[in-house]
């Protein structure tokens, strides 16, 4: 594919990229539907179409831009009523009038609430990246949507290359969604997958690690706690319920529990550990039990 800023149609070019992504065979992660058409039919009302992944529960669909339940009248596939979710297929969703908001092209529908922002943490497909590809005007493609990239920072680890992006808009994206970065000026591309939306404290810590050039071997050298789904079975890490924890961070937490009681009480237990370690009070209780053992 080639793109010329002067002569190419951006709409047609975006369509060709999204069509290419739909033909690729990706491992399904989160059951989802990216809306590719939204229109009104006389006598029927609002209808949206898209390719629904396997196991999408049509009885419990959330419109993720607003994280609200989408009221559906009927699910059709190939012009026949069909709400089975045993295969990936094209579907049309006829929507009830009582919906407060109606999806548009590029919107995401899933069965899970997604807390999202315009900051993304992603893994690039290539370990060795030509950094010149990130010089110029950048656009990120995902599902049937896209957004300009306003900032990008690369993070090199022992085996992977990650990046933190700031987009022109906040958009919901499911975990492990495949992405494509386009350099509009150089007509170059690089693929990757979405991992998570880092919060403000995680971004501050990450920027400090980049500035201090701290050696990164894995994701737990970047984030203190992460869900086990981001890793293959790994006996090197300490597991707390569904999270892996960095051992050095675990020691710091135990130390804070012993000697920083005044600071913890002043800030409040929830805020102190959320701001400093991004952990919930429920996980903290599990850590206290471990320390007693």
Protein backbone atom coordinates (compact mmCIF):
# COMPACT_ATOMS: atom_id res chain seq x y z
CA UNK A 1 0.00 0.00 0.00
CA UNK A 2 1.17 3.50 -0.78
CA UNK A 3 -0.09 6.79 0.61
CA UNK A 4 0.47 10.27 -0.82
CA UNK A 5 -0.60 13.20 1.35
CA UNK A 6 -1.37 15.29 -1.75
CA UNK A 7 -3.26 12.84 -3.96
CA UNK A 8 -4.43 9.87 -1.86
CA UNK A 9 -7.88 9.64 -0.29
CA UNK A 10 -7.39 9.21 3.45
CA UNK A 11 -10.83 7.61 3.82
CA UNK A 12 -10.15 5.04 1.09
CA UNK A 13 -6.68 4.37 2.48
CA UNK A 14 -8.05 3.77 6.00
CA UNK A 15 -10.66 1.42 4.52
CA UNK A 16 -7.94 -0.61 2.78
CA UNK A 17 -5.94 -0.96 6.03
CA UNK A 18 -8.99 -2.05 8.03
CA UNK A 19 -9.94 -4.53 5.31
CA UNK A 20 -6.41 -5.93 5.38
CA UNK A 21 -6.54 -6.33 9.17
CA UNK A 22 -9.86 -8.20 8.88
CA UNK A 23 -8.31 -10.74 6.48
CA UNK A 24 -5.44 -11.55 8.86
CA UNK A 25 -5.74 -14.62 11.06
CA UNK A 26 -5.22 -13.41 14.62
CA UNK A 27 -5.65 -15.38 17.80
CA UNK A 28 -8.89 -14.26 19.42
CA UNK A 29 -8.48 -12.75 22.87
CA UNK A 30 -11.39 -10.64 24.11
CA UNK A 31 -14.82 -11.37 22.53
CA UNK A 32 -15.64 -8.16 20.68
CA UNK A 33 -17.21 -6.40 17.73
CA UNK A 34 -15.75 -3.34 16.03
CA UNK A 35 -18.56 -1.39 14.35
CA UNK A 36 -17.90 -0.77 10.65
CA UNK A 37 -21.32 0.61 9.68
CA UNK A 38 -24.06 2.46 11.55
CA UNK A 39 -27.31 3.47 9.85
CA UNK A 40 -31.08 3.81 10.19
CA UNK A 41 -33.69 1.68 8.41
CA UNK A 42 -37.27 2.95 8.12
CA UNK A 43 -39.53 0.82 10.26
CA UNK A 44 -36.59 -0.89 11.96
CA UNK A 45 -34.56 1.89 13.50
CA UNK A 46 -30.85 2.00 14.27
CA UNK A 47 -28.66 -0.83 12.98
CA UNK A 48 -24.93 -1.44 13.40
CA UNK A 49 -22.82 -4.04 11.62
CA UNK A 50 -19.40 -5.58 12.16
CA UNK A 51 -17.47 -8.81 12.48
CA UNK A 52 -18.28 -10.40 15.85
CA UNK A 53 -15.61 -12.63 17.35
CA UNK A 54 -16.32 -16.07 18.74
CA UNK A 55 -17.91 -16.25 22.22
CA UNK A 56 -19.36 -12.71 22.15
CA UNK A 57 -22.39 -12.80 24.47
CA UNK A 58 -25.20 -10.99 22.65
CA UNK A 59 -27.28 -10.89 25.84
CA UNK A 60 -24.66 -8.78 27.61
CA UNK A 61 -23.13 -6.32 25.15
CA UNK A 62 -21.53 -3.11 26.41
CA UNK A 63 -21.01 0.00 24.31
CA UNK A 64 -17.48 0.61 25.58
CA UNK A 65 -17.15 4.27 24.64
CA UNK A 66 -19.70 4.93 27.40
CA UNK A 67 -19.37 1.56 29.21
CA UNK A 68 -23.14 1.16 29.19
CA UNK A 69 -25.32 -1.79 28.25
CA UNK A 70 -26.51 -1.81 24.66
CA UNK A 71 -30.17 -2.77 24.28
CA UNK A 72 -30.54 -5.09 21.26
CA UNK A 73 -33.78 -6.08 19.50
CA UNK A 74 -32.35 -8.70 17.18
CA UNK A 75 -29.09 -10.22 15.95
CA UNK A 76 -28.90 -11.14 12.28
CA UNK A 77 -26.26 -12.99 10.28
CA UNK A 78 -26.68 -13.30 6.50
CA UNK A 79 -30.15 -11.75 6.78
CA UNK A 80 -31.33 -14.44 9.19
CA UNK A 81 -31.95 -14.19 12.91
CA UNK A 82 -28.87 -15.70 14.53
CA UNK A 83 -27.59 -15.07 18.05
CA UNK A 84 -25.24 -18.08 18.28
CA UNK A 85 -21.67 -17.19 19.19
CA UNK A 86 -19.79 -20.35 18.26
CA UNK A 87 -17.88 -18.84 15.32
CA UNK A 88 -16.51 -15.50 14.14
CA UNK A 89 -19.02 -13.99 11.71
CA UNK A 90 -20.53 -10.87 10.19
CA UNK A 91 -23.57 -9.67 12.12
CA UNK A 92 -26.12 -6.87 12.08
CA UNK A 93 -27.48 -5.67 15.42
CA UNK A 94 -30.91 -4.04 15.42
CA UNK A 95 -30.99 -1.63 18.39
CA UNK A 96 -33.84 -0.63 20.67
CA UNK A 97 -34.96 3.00 20.73
CA UNK A 98 -34.45 3.28 24.50
CA UNK A 99 -30.64 3.24 24.15
CA UNK A 100 -29.22 6.52 25.42
CA UNK A 101 -26.28 6.44 23.00
CA UNK A 102 -25.87 4.69 19.66
CA UNK A 103 -22.56 3.30 18.35
CA UNK A 104 -20.91 4.72 15.25
CA UNK A 105 -18.27 3.39 12.89
CA UNK A 106 -15.05 2.72 14.79
CA UNK A 107 -16.77 2.06 18.13
CA UNK A 108 -16.10 -1.05 20.21
CA UNK A 109 -18.66 -3.49 21.64
CA UNK A 110 -17.58 -6.15 24.18
CA UNK A 111 -18.90 -7.95 27.26
CA UNK A 112 -16.52 -6.22 29.68
CA UNK A 113 -16.21 -2.70 31.04
CA UNK A 114 -12.99 -1.02 29.89
CA UNK A 115 -11.43 1.86 31.83
CA UNK A 116 -9.61 3.73 29.08
CA UNK A 117 -7.58 6.86 28.38
CA UNK A 118 -5.51 8.34 25.56
CA UNK A 119 -2.30 6.77 26.94
CA UNK A 120 -1.46 3.27 25.68
CA UNK A 121 1.26 0.77 26.55
CA UNK A 122 1.95 -1.56 23.64
CA UNK A 123 4.36 -4.29 22.54
CA UNK A 124 5.89 -3.92 19.07
CA UNK A 125 6.19 -6.92 16.76
CA UNK A 126 9.86 -6.25 16.01
CA UNK A 127 12.58 -6.54 18.64
CA UNK A 128 15.01 -4.38 16.63
CA UNK A 129 13.20 -1.23 15.56
CA UNK A 130 14.39 1.41 13.11
CA UNK A 131 13.69 4.51 15.21
CA UNK A 132 13.43 6.70 12.11
CA UNK A 133 9.98 5.21 11.52
CA UNK A 134 8.70 7.27 14.46
CA UNK A 135 9.95 10.61 13.08
CA UNK A 136 7.09 12.42 11.39
CA UNK A 137 3.30 12.28 11.45
CA UNK A 138 2.09 9.02 13.02
CA UNK A 139 -1.31 7.36 13.01
CA UNK A 140 -2.47 4.28 14.94
CA UNK A 141 -4.97 1.84 13.41
CA UNK A 142 -7.00 -0.54 15.60
CA UNK A 143 -10.22 -2.43 14.88
CA UNK A 144 -12.20 -0.17 12.55
CA UNK A 145 -10.87 3.01 14.17
CA UNK A 146 -7.72 5.13 14.07
CA UNK A 147 -6.15 8.09 15.87
CA UNK A 148 -3.16 10.40 15.55
CA UNK A 149 -0.20 9.64 17.82
CA UNK A 150 0.93 12.84 19.55
CA UNK A 151 3.80 11.26 21.55
CA UNK A 152 5.68 7.98 21.50
CA UNK A 153 8.50 6.60 23.67
CA UNK A 154 10.26 3.29 23.12
CA UNK A 155 11.21 0.96 25.97
CA UNK A 156 13.72 -1.78 25.18
CA UNK A 157 13.76 -4.94 27.25
CA UNK A 158 15.93 -8.03 27.02
CA UNK A 159 13.61 -9.79 24.57
CA UNK A 160 10.92 -7.31 23.50
CA UNK A 161 10.47 -3.69 22.50
CA UNK A 162 7.58 -1.81 24.09
CA UNK A 163 6.24 1.70 23.55
CA UNK A 164 4.07 4.15 25.42
CA UNK A 165 1.80 6.25 23.19
CA UNK A 166 -0.31 9.35 23.69
CA UNK A 167 -3.22 9.55 21.24
CA UNK A 168 -5.27 12.48 19.99
CA UNK A 169 -8.34 10.98 21.67
CA UNK A 170 -9.23 8.56 24.45
CA UNK A 171 -10.53 5.29 23.03
CA UNK A 172 -11.40 1.87 24.51
CA UNK A 173 -9.24 -0.98 23.19
CA UNK A 174 -9.38 -4.61 24.39
CA UNK A 175 -6.26 -6.29 25.80
CA UNK A 176 -4.00 -7.90 23.17
CA UNK A 177 -5.75 -6.10 20.29
CA UNK A 178 -3.55 -6.02 17.18
CA UNK A 179 -2.40 -2.55 16.12
CA UNK A 180 -0.71 -0.92 13.15
CA UNK A 181 1.38 2.26 13.32
CA UNK A 182 1.65 4.25 10.10
CA UNK A 183 4.25 6.95 9.44
CA UNK A 184 2.25 9.12 7.04
CA UNK A 185 5.27 11.16 5.87
CA UNK A 186 7.52 8.17 5.14
CA UNK A 187 4.79 5.68 4.18
CA UNK A 188 6.20 3.09 6.61
CA UNK A 189 4.44 0.73 9.00
CA UNK A 190 5.09 -1.33 12.10
CA UNK A 191 2.72 -3.67 13.90
CA UNK A 192 2.17 -4.41 17.55
CA UNK A 193 -0.41 -5.33 20.16
CA UNK A 194 -2.12 -3.35 22.89
CA UNK A 195 -1.34 -4.35 26.49
CA UNK A 196 -2.81 -1.79 28.91
CA UNK A 197 -3.79 1.79 29.73
CA UNK A 198 -1.15 3.02 32.23
CA UNK A 199 -2.35 5.41 34.93
CA UNK A 200 -0.67 8.69 35.87
CA UNK A 201 1.57 7.17 38.53
CA UNK A 202 2.65 4.32 36.28
CA UNK A 203 3.59 6.81 33.55
CA UNK A 204 5.64 8.90 36.00
CA UNK A 205 7.50 5.80 37.22
CA UNK A 206 8.05 4.59 33.68
CA UNK A 207 9.44 7.95 32.53
CA UNK A 208 11.84 7.95 35.49
CA UNK A 209 13.07 4.45 34.61
CA UNK A 210 13.63 5.53 31.00
CA UNK A 211 15.51 8.64 32.15
CA UNK A 212 17.65 6.63 34.61
CA UNK A 213 18.30 3.99 31.91
CA UNK A 214 17.31 1.17 34.25
CA UNK A 215 17.86 -2.26 32.71
CA UNK A 216 14.58 -3.93 31.85
CA UNK A 217 14.36 -7.71 31.54
CA UNK A 218 10.58 -8.15 31.62
CA UNK A 219 7.31 -6.34 32.24
CA UNK A 220 7.70 -6.55 36.03
CA UNK A 221 10.77 -4.33 35.73
CA UNK A 222 8.42 -1.72 34.25
CA UNK A 223 5.30 -2.23 36.37
CA UNK A 224 5.21 -3.34 40.02
CA UNK A 225 2.20 -5.65 39.66
CA UNK A 226 0.66 -7.18 36.54
CA UNK A 227 -2.06 -9.69 35.78
CA UNK A 228 -0.74 -13.19 35.13
CA UNK A 229 -2.37 -13.13 31.67
CA UNK A 230 0.50 -10.92 30.49
CA UNK A 231 2.98 -13.75 31.10
CA UNK A 232 3.45 -17.37 30.24
CA UNK A 233 3.70 -19.64 33.28
CA UNK A 234 6.64 -18.24 35.21
CA UNK A 235 7.87 -19.67 38.48
CA UNK A 236 10.40 -16.85 38.90
CA UNK A 237 7.72 -14.38 39.99
CA UNK A 238 5.75 -14.19 43.22
CA UNK A 239 2.04 -14.68 42.55
CA UNK A 240 -0.68 -12.98 44.60
CA UNK A 241 -4.10 -14.21 43.46
CA UNK A 242 -4.21 -13.30 39.74
CA UNK A 243 -1.17 -10.97 39.88
CA UNK A 244 2.57 -11.38 39.54
CA UNK A 245 4.65 -9.06 41.72
CA UNK A 246 8.21 -7.80 41.45
CA UNK A 247 10.17 -9.27 44.40
CA UNK A 248 12.06 -6.03 45.07
CA UNK A 249 8.77 -4.12 45.19
CA UNK A 250 7.36 -6.70 47.58
CA UNK A 251 10.23 -6.00 49.98
CA UNK A 252 9.56 -2.25 49.77
CA UNK A 253 5.89 -2.79 50.59
CA UNK A 254 6.74 -4.89 53.64
CA UNK A 255 9.21 -2.22 54.73
CA UNK A 256 6.56 0.51 54.39
CA UNK A 257 4.15 -1.57 56.46
CA UNK A 258 6.79 -1.76 59.21
CA UNK A 259 8.25 1.74 59.37
CA UNK A 260 6.04 4.15 57.39
CA UNK A 261 2.83 3.88 59.38
CA UNK A 262 2.64 7.67 59.90
CA UNK A 263 2.82 8.37 56.14
CA UNK A 264 0.32 5.61 55.42
CA UNK A 265 -2.16 6.92 58.00
CA UNK A 266 -1.74 10.50 56.76
CA UNK A 267 -2.43 9.62 53.12
CA UNK A 268 -4.89 6.84 53.87
CA UNK A 269 -4.12 3.17 53.27
CA UNK A 270 -5.96 2.98 49.94
CA UNK A 271 -4.39 6.13 48.44
CA UNK A 272 -0.87 5.43 49.75
CA UNK A 273 -0.57 1.98 48.21
CA UNK A 274 -2.50 2.85 45.06
CA UNK A 275 -0.30 5.90 44.39
CA UNK A 276 3.00 4.23 45.24
CA UNK A 277 2.45 0.67 44.05
CA UNK A 278 -0.82 0.62 42.06
CA UNK A 279 -2.32 -2.11 44.25
CA UNK A 280 -5.77 -2.39 45.81
CA UNK A 281 -6.52 -2.80 49.51
CA UNK A 282 -7.72 -6.35 48.75
CA UNK A 283 -4.29 -7.31 47.39
CA UNK A 284 -2.65 -5.54 50.33
CA UNK A 285 -4.59 -7.78 52.73
CA UNK A 286 -3.25 -10.82 50.86
CA UNK A 287 0.30 -9.46 51.22
CA UNK A 288 -0.18 -9.03 54.97
CA UNK A 289 -1.19 -12.68 55.25
CA UNK A 290 1.94 -13.73 53.34
CA UNK A 291 4.15 -11.71 55.66
CA UNK A 292 2.68 -13.48 58.70
CA UNK A 293 3.49 -16.91 57.27
